[in-house]
Amino acid sequence: MQNEGSSTAFVTCAFPTFGIGEGPGWPGLGLVLVNLTESNVAVTCTLVSGASRDGAVYYQPKTSTVPAGSVDSFMMFLPTEIPGQPPTIPSPNLSCALPPGVGIQYLWYYGDRQVGQ
């Protein structure tokens, strides 16, 4: 998803919920940003997770500088960065403010899952 406009665009992306937080822990999730401009730009994204009906909603903003011309700038969210360090991340979403010329190439997550003995 690329911002082709002349002002900041707000984009929210959701992860599939299976596998997030299952097993002994969730090592991380994030996104890869693209910057097609000739200047470094700051991008702010917020991880939002949980549901108010469950009494636990987590918000964690993060700002990264994406280098000019970059096609693979990673922004990661780690469990140790989330207030309260939740053991799982239910229904994770990332909401990002994308400056003109900046895009999200893809979302990713990885986790530990015990299989068998």
N, C-alpha and C. Protein backbone atom coordinates (compact mmCIF):
# COMPACT_ATOMS: atom_id res chain seq x y z
N MET A 1 0.85 -1.15 0.00
CA MET A 1 0.00 0.00 0.00
C MET A 1 0.91 1.23 0.00
N GLN A 2 0.77 2.06 -0.99
CA GLN A 2 1.67 3.19 -1.20
C GLN A 2 0.89 4.51 -1.14
N ASN A 3 1.42 5.50 -0.44
CA ASN A 3 0.79 6.81 -0.44
C ASN A 3 1.27 7.57 -1.67
N GLU A 4 0.39 7.71 -2.65
CA GLU A 4 0.70 8.42 -3.90
C GLU A 4 0.23 9.87 -3.85
N GLY A 5 -0.35 10.29 -2.71
CA GLY A 5 -0.90 11.63 -2.59
C GLY A 5 0.13 12.66 -2.16
N SER A 6 -0.38 13.83 -1.77
CA SER A 6 0.49 14.94 -1.38
C SER A 6 0.39 15.25 0.12
N SER A 7 -0.41 14.48 0.85
CA SER A 7 -0.51 14.67 2.31
C SER A 7 -0.47 13.30 2.98
N THR A 8 -0.28 13.30 4.29
CA THR A 8 -0.16 12.06 5.05
C THR A 8 -1.44 11.23 4.93
N ALA A 9 -1.27 9.93 4.74
CA ALA A 9 -2.40 8.99 4.66
C ALA A 9 -2.34 8.07 5.88
N PHE A 10 -3.47 7.81 6.49
CA PHE A 10 -3.54 6.92 7.64
C PHE A 10 -4.07 5.57 7.18
N VAL A 11 -3.32 4.52 7.49
CA VAL A 11 -3.64 3.17 7.03
C VAL A 11 -3.63 2.23 8.23
N THR A 12 -4.62 1.35 8.30
CA THR A 12 -4.65 0.33 9.34
C THR A 12 -4.66 -1.04 8.69
N CYS A 13 -3.79 -1.91 9.17
CA CYS A 13 -3.67 -3.27 8.64
C CYS A 13 -3.86 -4.26 9.78
N ALA A 14 -4.58 -5.34 9.51
CA ALA A 14 -4.82 -6.37 10.51
C ALA A 14 -4.07 -7.63 10.14
N PHE A 15 -3.60 -8.33 11.15
CA PHE A 15 -2.94 -9.62 10.97
C PHE A 15 -3.97 -10.73 11.09
N PRO A 16 -3.72 -11.87 10.44
CA PRO A 16 -4.56 -13.03 10.75
C PRO A 16 -4.29 -13.40 12.21
N THR A 17 -5.30 -13.85 12.92
CA THR A 17 -5.13 -14.06 14.36
C THR A 17 -4.57 -15.42 14.73
N PHE A 18 -4.63 -16.39 13.84
CA PHE A 18 -4.10 -17.70 14.22
C PHE A 18 -2.60 -17.62 14.42
N GLY A 19 -2.12 -18.30 15.45
CA GLY A 19 -0.68 -18.38 15.69
C GLY A 19 -0.09 -17.26 16.51
N ILE A 20 -0.72 -16.10 16.59
CA ILE A 20 -0.15 -15.00 17.35
C ILE A 20 -0.32 -15.32 18.83
N GLY A 21 0.78 -15.40 19.50
CA GLY A 21 0.73 -15.58 20.95
C GLY A 21 0.48 -17.01 21.40
N GLU A 22 0.38 -17.96 20.49
CA GLU A 22 0.23 -19.34 20.92
C GLU A 22 1.60 -19.89 21.31
N GLY A 23 1.60 -20.87 22.18
CA GLY A 23 2.86 -21.46 22.61
C GLY A 23 3.50 -20.62 23.70
N PRO A 24 4.80 -20.76 23.89
CA PRO A 24 5.46 -20.09 25.01
C PRO A 24 5.61 -18.59 24.87
N GLY A 25 5.41 -18.04 23.69
CA GLY A 25 5.56 -16.60 23.56
C GLY A 25 5.48 -16.15 22.12
N TRP A 26 5.35 -14.87 21.95
CA TRP A 26 5.34 -14.30 20.60
C TRP A 26 6.58 -13.43 20.47
N PRO A 27 7.56 -13.86 19.70
CA PRO A 27 8.81 -13.10 19.59
C PRO A 27 8.71 -11.76 18.89
N GLY A 28 7.74 -11.55 18.01
CA GLY A 28 7.65 -10.24 17.39
C GLY A 28 6.75 -10.20 16.19
N LEU A 29 6.43 -8.97 15.79
CA LEU A 29 5.68 -8.73 14.57
C LEU A 29 6.10 -7.37 14.04
N GLY A 30 5.76 -7.10 12.81
CA GLY A 30 6.16 -5.81 12.25
C GLY A 30 5.76 -5.65 10.81
N LEU A 31 6.43 -4.72 10.14
CA LEU A 31 6.14 -4.42 8.76
C LEU A 31 7.40 -3.96 8.06
N VAL A 32 7.36 -4.00 6.74
CA VAL A 32 8.45 -3.51 5.91
C VAL A 32 7.94 -2.28 5.17
N LEU A 33 8.69 -1.19 5.30
CA LEU A 33 8.31 0.10 4.70
C LEU A 33 9.16 0.40 3.48
N VAL A 34 8.57 1.14 2.55
CA VAL A 34 9.21 1.58 1.32
C VAL A 34 9.16 3.10 1.29
N ASN A 35 10.26 3.73 0.90
CA ASN A 35 10.31 5.19 0.76
C ASN A 35 10.81 5.53 -0.63
N LEU A 36 9.93 5.98 -1.49
CA LEU A 36 10.30 6.30 -2.87
C LEU A 36 10.75 7.74 -3.06
N THR A 37 10.88 8.49 -1.95
CA THR A 37 11.30 9.89 -2.05
C THR A 37 12.82 10.00 -1.97
N GLU A 38 13.32 11.22 -2.16
CA GLU A 38 14.76 11.47 -2.11
C GLU A 38 15.20 11.97 -0.74
N SER A 39 14.32 11.88 0.26
CA SER A 39 14.63 12.33 1.61
C SER A 39 14.29 11.25 2.62
N ASN A 40 15.02 11.24 3.72
CA ASN A 40 14.65 10.37 4.84
C ASN A 40 13.34 10.87 5.41
N VAL A 41 12.46 9.96 5.82
CA VAL A 41 11.18 10.36 6.40
C VAL A 41 10.91 9.57 7.68
N ALA A 42 10.22 10.22 8.61
CA ALA A 42 9.81 9.55 9.85
C ALA A 42 8.42 8.98 9.64
N VAL A 43 8.25 7.71 10.01
CA VAL A 43 6.96 7.03 9.92
C VAL A 43 6.58 6.56 11.31
N THR A 44 5.35 6.87 11.72
CA THR A 44 4.85 6.43 13.02
C THR A 44 3.75 5.41 12.82
N CYS A 45 3.89 4.27 13.50
CA CYS A 45 2.87 3.23 13.50
C CYS A 45 2.54 2.89 14.94
N THR A 46 1.32 2.46 15.17
CA THR A 46 0.88 2.07 16.50
C THR A 46 0.33 0.65 16.44
N LEU A 47 0.87 -0.21 17.29
CA LEU A 47 0.33 -1.55 17.46
C LEU A 47 -0.86 -1.44 18.40
N VAL A 48 -2.00 -1.95 17.96
CA VAL A 48 -3.21 -1.96 18.78
C VAL A 48 -3.66 -3.41 18.84
N SER A 49 -3.92 -3.88 20.06
CA SER A 49 -4.28 -5.28 20.23
C SER A 49 -5.25 -5.44 21.38
N GLY A 50 -6.07 -6.47 21.29
CA GLY A 50 -6.99 -6.78 22.38
C GLY A 50 -8.37 -6.27 22.12
N ALA A 51 -9.22 -6.39 23.14
CA ALA A 51 -10.60 -5.95 23.05
C ALA A 51 -11.03 -5.37 24.38
N SER A 52 -11.73 -4.26 24.33
CA SER A 52 -12.14 -3.61 25.58
C SER A 52 -13.05 -4.52 26.40
N ARG A 53 -13.81 -5.39 25.75
CA ARG A 53 -14.69 -6.30 26.49
C ARG A 53 -13.89 -7.29 27.33
N ASP A 54 -12.66 -7.55 26.93
CA ASP A 54 -11.78 -8.46 27.69
C ASP A 54 -11.01 -7.72 28.77
N GLY A 55 -11.10 -6.40 28.78
CA GLY A 55 -10.41 -5.61 29.79
C GLY A 55 -8.93 -5.38 29.51
N ALA A 56 -8.44 -5.81 28.36
CA ALA A 56 -7.02 -5.64 28.05
C ALA A 56 -6.86 -5.17 26.62
N VAL A 57 -6.55 -3.90 26.46
CA VAL A 57 -6.24 -3.35 25.14
C VAL A 57 -4.83 -2.77 25.24
N TYR A 58 -3.99 -3.12 24.28
CA TYR A 58 -2.60 -2.68 24.29
C TYR A 58 -2.37 -1.71 23.13
N TYR A 59 -1.69 -0.62 23.43
CA TYR A 59 -1.29 0.36 22.42
C TYR A 59 0.20 0.58 22.55
N GLN A 60 0.91 0.49 21.44
CA GLN A 60 2.33 0.76 21.47
C GLN A 60 2.74 1.51 20.21
N PRO A 61 2.93 2.85 20.31
CA PRO A 61 3.39 3.60 19.14
C PRO A 61 4.90 3.43 18.95
N LYS A 62 5.32 3.57 17.71
CA LYS A 62 6.75 3.50 17.39
C LYS A 62 7.00 4.37 16.17
N THR A 63 8.11 5.09 16.18
CA THR A 63 8.50 5.92 15.04
C THR A 63 9.85 5.44 14.53
N SER A 64 9.95 5.27 13.22
CA SER A 64 11.20 4.87 12.59
C SER A 64 11.52 5.83 11.46
N THR A 65 12.79 6.07 11.25
CA THR A 65 13.23 6.85 10.09
C THR A 65 13.46 5.89 8.94
N VAL A 66 12.79 6.15 7.83
CA VAL A 66 12.94 5.32 6.64
C VAL A 66 13.85 6.06 5.68
N PRO A 67 15.00 5.47 5.35
CA PRO A 67 15.96 6.15 4.48
C PRO A 67 15.40 6.44 3.08
N ALA A 68 15.91 7.49 2.47
CA ALA A 68 15.52 7.84 1.11
C ALA A 68 15.78 6.67 0.17
N GLY A 69 14.83 6.36 -0.69
CA GLY A 69 15.00 5.31 -1.68
C GLY A 69 14.96 3.90 -1.12
N SER A 70 14.62 3.73 0.13
CA SER A 70 14.61 2.40 0.76
C SER A 70 13.43 1.57 0.28
N VAL A 71 13.68 0.28 0.03
CA VAL A 71 12.60 -0.64 -0.33
C VAL A 71 12.43 -1.76 0.70
N ASP A 72 13.20 -1.69 1.79
CA ASP A 72 13.10 -2.77 2.77
C ASP A 72 13.49 -2.31 4.18
N SER A 73 12.83 -1.28 4.65
CA SER A 73 13.09 -0.76 5.99
C SER A 73 12.14 -1.44 6.98
N PHE A 74 12.70 -2.17 7.94
CA PHE A 74 11.91 -2.93 8.89
C PHE A 74 11.51 -2.09 10.10
N MET A 75 10.26 -2.27 10.56
CA MET A 75 9.81 -1.73 11.83
C MET A 75 9.28 -2.94 12.61
N MET A 76 9.87 -3.17 13.78
CA MET A 76 9.51 -4.33 14.59
C MET A 76 8.87 -3.92 15.90
N PHE A 77 7.95 -4.74 16.36
CA PHE A 77 7.35 -4.59 17.68
C PHE A 77 7.66 -5.87 18.45
N LEU A 78 8.32 -5.72 19.60
CA LEU A 78 8.73 -6.86 20.41
C LEU A 78 7.90 -6.90 21.69
N PRO A 79 7.70 -8.09 22.29
CA PRO A 79 6.90 -8.20 23.50
C PRO A 79 7.42 -7.33 24.64
N THR A 80 8.73 -7.18 24.73
CA THR A 80 9.31 -6.39 25.82
C THR A 80 9.01 -4.90 25.69
N GLU A 81 8.55 -4.46 24.52
CA GLU A 81 8.22 -3.06 24.30
C GLU A 81 6.77 -2.72 24.66
N ILE A 82 5.94 -3.74 24.85
CA ILE A 82 4.53 -3.52 25.12
C ILE A 82 4.34 -3.36 26.62
N PRO A 83 3.70 -2.29 27.08
CA PRO A 83 3.46 -2.12 28.51
C PRO A 83 2.75 -3.33 29.09
N GLY A 84 3.28 -3.87 30.17
CA GLY A 84 2.71 -5.05 30.80
C GLY A 84 3.21 -6.35 30.20
N GLN A 85 3.95 -6.29 29.12
CA GLN A 85 4.50 -7.46 28.43
C GLN A 85 3.50 -8.62 28.38
N PRO A 86 2.42 -8.46 27.61
CA PRO A 86 1.40 -9.49 27.55
C PRO A 86 1.94 -10.80 26.97
N PRO A 87 1.44 -11.95 27.49
CA PRO A 87 1.91 -13.24 26.98
C PRO A 87 1.38 -13.55 25.58
N THR A 88 0.27 -12.93 25.20
CA THR A 88 -0.28 -13.11 23.86
C THR A 88 -0.69 -11.75 23.31
N ILE A 89 -0.86 -11.70 22.01
CA ILE A 89 -1.31 -10.49 21.35
C ILE A 89 -2.57 -10.85 20.55
N PRO A 90 -3.75 -10.70 21.18
CA PRO A 90 -4.98 -11.03 20.46
C PRO A 90 -5.35 -9.96 19.46
N SER A 91 -5.76 -10.38 18.29
CA SER A 91 -6.26 -9.46 17.25
C SER A 91 -5.34 -8.28 16.99
N PRO A 92 -4.08 -8.53 16.61
CA PRO A 92 -3.15 -7.41 16.40
C PRO A 92 -3.47 -6.61 15.14
N ASN A 93 -3.32 -5.29 15.25
CA ASN A 93 -3.49 -4.37 14.13
C ASN A 93 -2.37 -3.34 14.19
N LEU A 94 -1.96 -2.86 13.04
CA LEU A 94 -1.00 -1.77 12.97
C LEU A 94 -1.66 -0.61 12.25
N SER A 95 -1.61 0.55 12.87
CA SER A 95 -2.15 1.77 12.28
C SER A 95 -0.96 2.71 12.03
N CYS A 96 -0.79 3.12 10.77
CA CYS A 96 0.39 3.91 10.39
C CYS A 96 0.00 5.21 9.70
N ALA A 97 0.80 6.24 9.97
CA ALA A 97 0.68 7.52 9.27
C ALA A 97 1.77 7.52 8.20
N LEU A 98 1.36 7.38 6.95
CA LEU A 98 2.32 7.29 5.84
C LEU A 98 2.46 8.64 5.15
N PRO A 99 3.66 9.23 5.20
CA PRO A 99 3.89 10.47 4.46
C PRO A 99 3.84 10.20 2.95
N PRO A 100 3.70 11.24 2.13
CA PRO A 100 3.71 11.04 0.68
C PRO A 100 4.96 10.29 0.22
N GLY A 101 4.77 9.33 -0.69
CA GLY A 101 5.90 8.58 -1.23
C GLY A 101 6.31 7.38 -0.40
N VAL A 102 5.63 7.14 0.72
CA VAL A 102 5.98 6.03 1.60
C VAL A 102 4.89 4.98 1.53
N GLY A 103 5.28 3.72 1.60
CA GLY A 103 4.31 2.63 1.53
C GLY A 103 4.67 1.49 2.45
N ILE A 104 3.73 0.58 2.60
CA ILE A 104 3.93 -0.65 3.36
C ILE A 104 4.07 -1.77 2.34
N GLN A 105 5.23 -2.42 2.36
CA GLN A 105 5.46 -3.52 1.41
C GLN A 105 4.77 -4.80 1.89
N TYR A 106 4.95 -5.16 3.15
CA TYR A 106 4.24 -6.30 3.71
C TYR A 106 4.33 -6.30 5.22
N LEU A 107 3.40 -7.06 5.84
CA LEU A 107 3.38 -7.28 7.28
C LEU A 107 3.98 -8.65 7.55
N TRP A 108 4.51 -8.84 8.73
CA TRP A 108 5.06 -10.15 9.09
C TRP A 108 4.98 -10.37 10.59
N TYR A 109 4.96 -11.61 10.98
CA TYR A 109 5.10 -11.98 12.38
C TYR A 109 5.77 -13.34 12.45
N TYR A 110 6.38 -13.58 13.57
CA TYR A 110 6.97 -14.89 13.78
C TYR A 110 6.73 -15.26 15.23
N GLY A 111 6.73 -16.55 15.46
CA GLY A 111 6.44 -17.00 16.83
C GLY A 111 7.09 -18.34 17.10
N ASP A 112 7.10 -18.68 18.37
CA ASP A 112 7.57 -19.98 18.80
C ASP A 112 6.37 -20.89 18.94
N ARG A 113 6.45 -22.06 18.38
CA ARG A 113 5.37 -23.02 18.52
C ARG A 113 5.99 -24.40 18.74
N GLN A 114 5.58 -25.05 19.81
CA GLN A 114 6.11 -26.38 20.11
C GLN A 114 5.31 -27.40 19.34
N VAL A 115 6.01 -28.26 18.62
CA VAL A 115 5.36 -29.30 17.83
C VAL A 115 5.86 -30.64 18.33
N GLY A 116 4.96 -31.45 18.84
CA GLY A 116 5.33 -32.80 19.30
C GLY A 116 6.23 -32.79 20.50
N GLN A 117 6.99 -33.84 20.65
CA GLN A 117 7.88 -34.01 21.80
C GLN A 117 9.22 -33.37 21.56
